[in-house]
C-alpha atoms as a PDB file:
ATOM      1  CA  MET A   1       2.312   5.517 -24.958  1.00  0.00           C
ATOM      2  CA  ILE A   2       3.352   4.516 -21.453  1.00  0.00           C
ATOM      3  CA  PHE A   3       5.415   6.385 -18.933  1.00  0.00           C
ATOM      4  CA  ILE A   4       7.242   6.395 -15.684  1.00  0.00           C
ATOM      5  CA  ALA A   5       7.734   9.647 -13.766  1.00  0.00           C
ATOM      6  CA  ASP A   6      10.492  10.266 -11.292  1.00  0.00           C
ATOM      7  CA  GLY A   7       9.961  11.497  -7.710  1.00  0.00           C
ATOM      8  CA  MET A   8       9.932  15.121  -8.598  1.00  0.00           C
ATOM      9  CA  LEU A   9       6.895  14.817 -10.999  1.00  0.00           C
ATOM     10  CA  GLY A  10       4.014  13.508  -8.773  1.00  0.00           C
ATOM     11  CA  LYS A  11       1.530  16.044  -9.828  1.00  0.00           C
ATOM     12  CA  LEU A  12       2.428  15.545 -13.598  1.00  0.00           C
ATOM     13  CA  ALA A  13       1.887  11.862 -13.085  1.00  0.00           C
ATOM     14  CA  ARG A  14      -1.479  12.324 -11.421  1.00  0.00           C
ATOM     15  CA  TRP A  15      -2.732  14.651 -14.118  1.00  0.00           C
ATOM     16  CA  LEU A  16      -1.464  12.476 -17.029  1.00  0.00           C
ATOM     17  CA  ARG A  17      -3.394   9.485 -15.418  1.00  0.00           C
ATOM     18  CA  LEU A  18      -6.419  11.785 -15.224  1.00  0.00           C
ATOM     19  CA  LEU A  19      -6.005  12.410 -18.936  1.00  0.00           C
ATOM     20  CA  GLY A  20      -5.916   8.752 -19.597  1.00  0.00           C
ATOM     21  CA  PHE A  21      -2.232   7.882 -19.796  1.00  0.00           C
ATOM     22  CA  ASP A  22      -0.508   4.845 -18.086  1.00  0.00           C
ATOM     23  CA  VAL A  23       2.048   6.484 -15.787  1.00  0.00           C
ATOM     24  CA  LEU A  24       4.045   4.623 -13.155  1.00  0.00           C
ATOM     25  CA  TYR A  25       5.070   6.795 -10.258  1.00  0.00           C
ATOM     26  CA  PHE A  26       7.173   6.050  -7.265  1.00  0.00           C
ATOM     27  CA  SER A  27       7.894   8.900  -4.847  1.00  0.00           C
ATOM     28  CA  ARG A  28      11.136   7.325  -3.725  1.00  0.00           C
ATOM     29  CA  ALA A  29      12.975   5.440  -6.246  1.00  0.00           C
ATOM     30  CA  ALA A  30      16.599   5.504  -7.340  1.00  0.00           C
ATOM     31  CA  ASP A  31      17.410   6.438 -10.871  1.00  0.00           C
ATOM     32  CA  ALA A  32      18.610   2.885 -11.593  1.00  0.00           C
ATOM     33  CA  GLU A  33      15.328   1.436 -10.509  1.00  0.00           C
ATOM     34  CA  ILE A  34      13.319   3.959 -12.634  1.00  0.00           C
ATOM     35  CA  LEU A  35      15.514   3.236 -15.715  1.00  0.00           C
ATOM     36  CA  ASP A  36      15.291  -0.619 -15.153  1.00  0.00           C
ATOM     37  CA  ALA A  37      11.490  -0.387 -14.798  1.00  0.00           C
ATOM     38  CA  ALA A  38      11.227   1.820 -17.976  1.00  0.00           C
ATOM     39  CA  ARG A  39      13.453  -0.551 -19.973  1.00  0.00           C
ATOM     40  CA  LYS A  40      11.651  -3.621 -18.838  1.00  0.00           C
ATOM     41  CA  ASP A  41       8.115  -2.181 -19.732  1.00  0.00           C
ATOM     42  CA  GLY A  42       9.174  -0.002 -22.685  1.00  0.00           C
ATOM     43  CA  ARG A  43       8.168   3.180 -20.831  1.00  0.00           C
ATOM     44  CA  ILE A  44       9.392   6.652 -21.457  1.00  0.00           C
ATOM     45  CA  VAL A  45      11.008   8.264 -18.544  1.00  0.00           C
ATOM     46  CA  LEU A  46       9.678  11.724 -17.414  1.00  0.00           C
ATOM     47  CA  THR A  47      12.241  13.530 -15.269  1.00  0.00           C
ATOM     48  CA  ARG A  48      13.551  16.778 -14.186  1.00  0.00           C
ATOM     49  CA  ASP A  49      16.912  15.210 -13.334  1.00  0.00           C
ATOM     50  CA  THR A  50      19.466  16.142 -15.957  1.00  0.00           C
ATOM     51  CA  ARG A  51      21.769  13.403 -14.992  1.00  0.00           C
ATOM     52  CA  MET A  52      19.104  10.763 -15.656  1.00  0.00           C
ATOM     53  CA  SER A  53      18.406  12.001 -19.127  1.00  0.00           C
ATOM     54  CA  SER A  54      22.047  11.879 -20.032  1.00  0.00           C
ATOM     55  CA  LYS A  55      22.556   8.176 -19.166  1.00  0.00           C
ATOM     56  CA  ASP A  56      23.759   6.286 -22.196  1.00  0.00           C
ATOM     57  CA  ALA A  57      21.947   3.265 -23.729  1.00  0.00           C
ATOM     58  CA  GLY A  58      19.009   3.775 -21.556  1.00  0.00           C
ATOM     59  CA  PRO A  59      15.226   3.925 -22.248  1.00  0.00           C
ATOM     60  CA  ALA A  60      13.716   6.998 -23.915  1.00  0.00           C
ATOM     61  CA  VAL A  61      13.831  10.015 -21.545  1.00  0.00           C
ATOM     62  CA  LEU A  62      11.894  13.228 -21.688  1.00  0.00           C
ATOM     63  CA  GLN A  63      13.525  16.010 -19.852  1.00  0.00           C
ATOM     64  CA  ILE A  64      10.863  18.075 -18.236  1.00  0.00           C
ATOM     65  CA  HIS A  65      11.793  21.767 -18.232  1.00  0.00           C
ATOM     66  CA  SER A  66       9.211  23.612 -16.107  1.00  0.00           C
ATOM     67  CA  ASP A  67       8.575  23.602 -12.385  1.00  0.00           C
ATOM     68  CA  HIS A  68       4.796  24.134 -13.066  1.00  0.00           C
ATOM     69  CA  TRP A  69       2.621  21.204 -13.675  1.00  0.00           C
ATOM     70  CA  GLU A  70       0.432  22.824 -16.306  1.00  0.00           C
ATOM     71  CA  ASP A  71       3.467  23.676 -18.396  1.00  0.00           C
ATOM     72  CA  GLN A  72       4.812  20.120 -17.835  1.00  0.00           C
ATOM     73  CA  ILE A  73       1.648  18.613 -19.181  1.00  0.00           C
ATOM     74  CA  ALA A  74       1.691  20.886 -22.224  1.00  0.00           C
ATOM     75  CA  GLN A  75       5.372  19.838 -22.894  1.00  0.00           C
ATOM     76  CA  VAL A  76       4.495  16.109 -22.773  1.00  0.00           C
ATOM     77  CA  LEU A  77       1.409  16.500 -24.867  1.00  0.00           C
ATOM     78  CA  ASP A  78       3.170  18.714 -27.430  1.00  0.00           C
ATOM     79  CA  GLU A  79       6.592  17.076 -27.763  1.00  0.00           C
ATOM     80  CA  LEU A  80       5.090  13.624 -27.942  1.00  0.00           C
ATOM     81  CA  ASP A  81       2.068  14.686 -30.000  1.00  0.00           C
ATOM     82  CA  LEU A  82      -0.439  13.112 -27.571  1.00  0.00           C
ATOM     83  CA  ARG A  83      -3.353  15.575 -27.666  1.00  0.00           C
ATOM     84  CA  ARG A  84      -5.461  13.141 -29.810  1.00  0.00           C
ATOM     85  CA  ASP A  85      -4.699  10.312 -27.399  1.00  0.00           C
ATOM     86  CA  VAL A  86      -6.212  11.911 -24.363  1.00  0.00           C
ATOM     87  CA  SER A  87      -9.087  10.005 -22.708  1.00  0.00           C
ATOM     88  CA  PRO A  88     -10.082  11.808 -19.483  1.00  0.00           C
ATOM     89  CA  PHE A  89     -11.482   9.854 -16.579  1.00  0.00           C
ATOM     90  CA  SER A  90     -10.590   6.450 -18.043  1.00  0.00           C
ATOM     91  CA  ARG A  91      -7.968   5.539 -15.394  1.00  0.00           C
ATOM     92  CA  CYS A  92      -7.891   5.397 -11.683  1.00  0.00           C
ATOM     93  CA  VAL A  93      -5.644   8.143 -10.637  1.00  0.00           C
ATOM     94  CA  PRO A  94      -4.418   6.563  -7.366  1.00  0.00           C
ATOM     95  CA  CYS A  95      -3.563   3.102  -8.777  1.00  0.00           C
ATOM     96  CA  ASN A  96      -3.105   3.769 -12.582  1.00  0.00           C
ATOM     97  CA  ARG A  97      -5.538   0.964 -13.819  1.00  0.00           C
ATOM     98  CA  GLU A  98      -8.079   1.530 -16.555  1.00  0.00           C
ATOM     99  CA  VAL A  99     -11.585   1.733 -15.100  1.00  0.00           C
ATOM    100  CA  ASN A 100     -14.420  -0.354 -16.277  1.00  0.00           C
ATOM    101  CA  PRO A 101     -18.085   0.829 -16.868  1.00  0.00           C
ATOM    102  CA  LEU A 102     -20.301  -0.188 -13.828  1.00  0.00           C
ATOM    103  CA  ALA A 103     -24.127  -0.503 -14.297  1.00  0.00           C
ATOM    104  CA  PRO A 104     -26.164   1.609 -11.776  1.00  0.00           C
ATOM    105  CA  SER A 105     -27.745  -1.656 -10.480  1.00  0.00           C
ATOM    106  CA  ASP A 106     -24.170  -2.973  -9.689  1.00  0.00           C
ATOM    107  CA  ALA A 107     -23.219   0.305  -8.011  1.00  0.00           C
ATOM    108  CA  ARG A 108     -26.231   0.164  -5.655  1.00  0.00           C
ATOM    109  CA  ASN A 109     -24.184  -1.315  -2.755  1.00  0.00           C
ATOM    110  CA  LEU A 110     -20.875   0.469  -3.452  1.00  0.00           C
ATOM    111  CA  VAL A 111     -22.104   4.128  -3.298  1.00  0.00           C
ATOM    112  CA  PRO A 112     -24.192   6.216  -0.915  1.00  0.00           C
ATOM    113  CA  PRO A 113     -27.952   6.076  -1.858  1.00  0.00           C
ATOM    114  CA  PHE A 114     -28.064   9.897  -2.853  1.00  0.00           C
ATOM    115  CA  VAL A 115     -25.338   9.174  -5.460  1.00  0.00           C
ATOM    116  CA  LEU A 116     -27.700   6.731  -7.156  1.00  0.00           C
ATOM    117  CA  GLU A 117     -30.211   9.444  -7.396  1.00  0.00           C
ATOM    118  CA  ILE A 118     -27.970  12.077  -8.994  1.00  0.00           C
ATOM    119  CA  SER A 119     -25.639   9.986 -11.096  1.00  0.00           C
ATOM    120  CA  GLU A 120     -26.405   7.879 -14.232  1.00  0.00           C
ATOM    121  CA  THR A 121     -22.950   6.568 -15.052  1.00  0.00           C
ATOM    122  CA  PHE A 122     -20.402   4.829 -12.925  1.00  0.00           C
ATOM    123  CA  ALA A 123     -16.951   3.273 -13.347  1.00  0.00           C
ATOM    124  CA  LEU A 124     -15.155   0.731 -11.223  1.00  0.00           C
ATOM    125  CA  CYS A 125     -11.378   0.301 -10.727  1.00  0.00           C
ATOM    126  CA  PRO A 126     -10.658  -3.428 -11.133  1.00  0.00           C
ATOM    127  CA  SER A 127      -7.526  -3.080  -8.909  1.00  0.00           C
ATOM    128  CA  CYS A 128      -8.483  -0.955  -5.825  1.00  0.00           C
ATOM    129  CA  GLY A 129     -12.327  -1.209  -6.150  1.00  0.00           C
ATOM    130  CA  ARG A 130     -12.926   2.510  -6.128  1.00  0.00           C
ATOM    131  CA  VAL A 131     -16.227   3.607  -7.791  1.00  0.00           C
ATOM    132  CA  PHE A 132     -16.199   6.834  -9.817  1.00  0.00           C
ATOM    133  CA  TRP A 133     -19.224   8.847 -10.864  1.00  0.00           C
ATOM    134  CA  LYS A 134     -19.796  12.452 -12.239  1.00  0.00           C
ATOM    135  CA  GLY A 135     -20.052  14.160  -8.813  1.00  0.00           C
ATOM    136  CA  SER A 136     -19.944  17.815  -7.704  1.00  0.00           C
ATOM    137  CA  HIS A 137     -16.256  18.114  -8.845  1.00  0.00           C
ATOM    138  CA  TYR A 138     -16.775  16.653 -12.310  1.00  0.00           C
ATOM    139  CA  GLN A 139     -17.614  19.868 -14.186  1.00  0.00           C
ATOM    140  CA  ASP A 140     -14.697  21.690 -12.438  1.00  0.00           C
ATOM    141  CA  MET A 141     -12.286  18.865 -13.560  1.00  0.00           C
ATOM    142  CA  LYS A 142     -13.767  18.868 -17.070  1.00  0.00           C
ATOM    143  CA  THR A 143     -13.150  22.587 -17.350  1.00  0.00           C
ATOM    144  CA  ARG A 144      -9.627  22.359 -16.136  1.00  0.00           C
ATOM    145  CA  ILE A 145      -8.925  19.568 -18.655  1.00  0.00           C
ATOM    146  CA  GLU A 146     -10.397  21.673 -21.427  1.00  0.00           C
ATOM    147  CA  ARG A 147      -8.167  24.504 -20.388  1.00  0.00           C
ATOM    148  CA  LEU A 148      -5.092  22.213 -20.286  1.00  0.00           C
ATOM    149  CA  LEU A 149      -5.798  20.883 -23.688  1.00  0.00           C
ATOM    150  CA  GLY A 150      -6.131  24.388 -25.088  1.00  0.00           C
ATOM    151  CA  ARG A 151      -2.734  25.323 -23.643  1.00  0.00           C
ATOM    152  CA  LYS A 152       0.358  25.030 -25.749  1.00  0.00           C
ATOM    153  CA  LYS A 153       4.067  24.666 -24.581  1.00  0.00           C
ATOM    154  CA  SER A 154       5.443  27.966 -23.804  1.00  0.00           C
END
């Protein structure tokens, strides 16, 4: 399932990407642009804008109810039955592309030397070239994701 989030849902877009979902996000786009992009790619629109969710003959729209990003994630996962589809850390959060595994030998010139000593697995974004590894923030992020996945829509 692929999404496009309106300008009010940047944090939701980032966290859905972190959970492995394809989410387009433009901080400044008109409703018509968002709806056109959704229609073109078959994306579900995520919005807090009640006017956008009431447009006739448009793409599928999920009206997000809460102001809080954790509740927003629970709503998307629950209403679209996506908890089984979560694949954490499989996308580049800044650019939305799926990351590819990277052998440690190939990461040698792309990360600081100490990172090679402390990390065994790496991933590379084919679009922006960012390299990811299980650094000091990994366990905290994993714990937050587990908490999010245990949370149900309120």
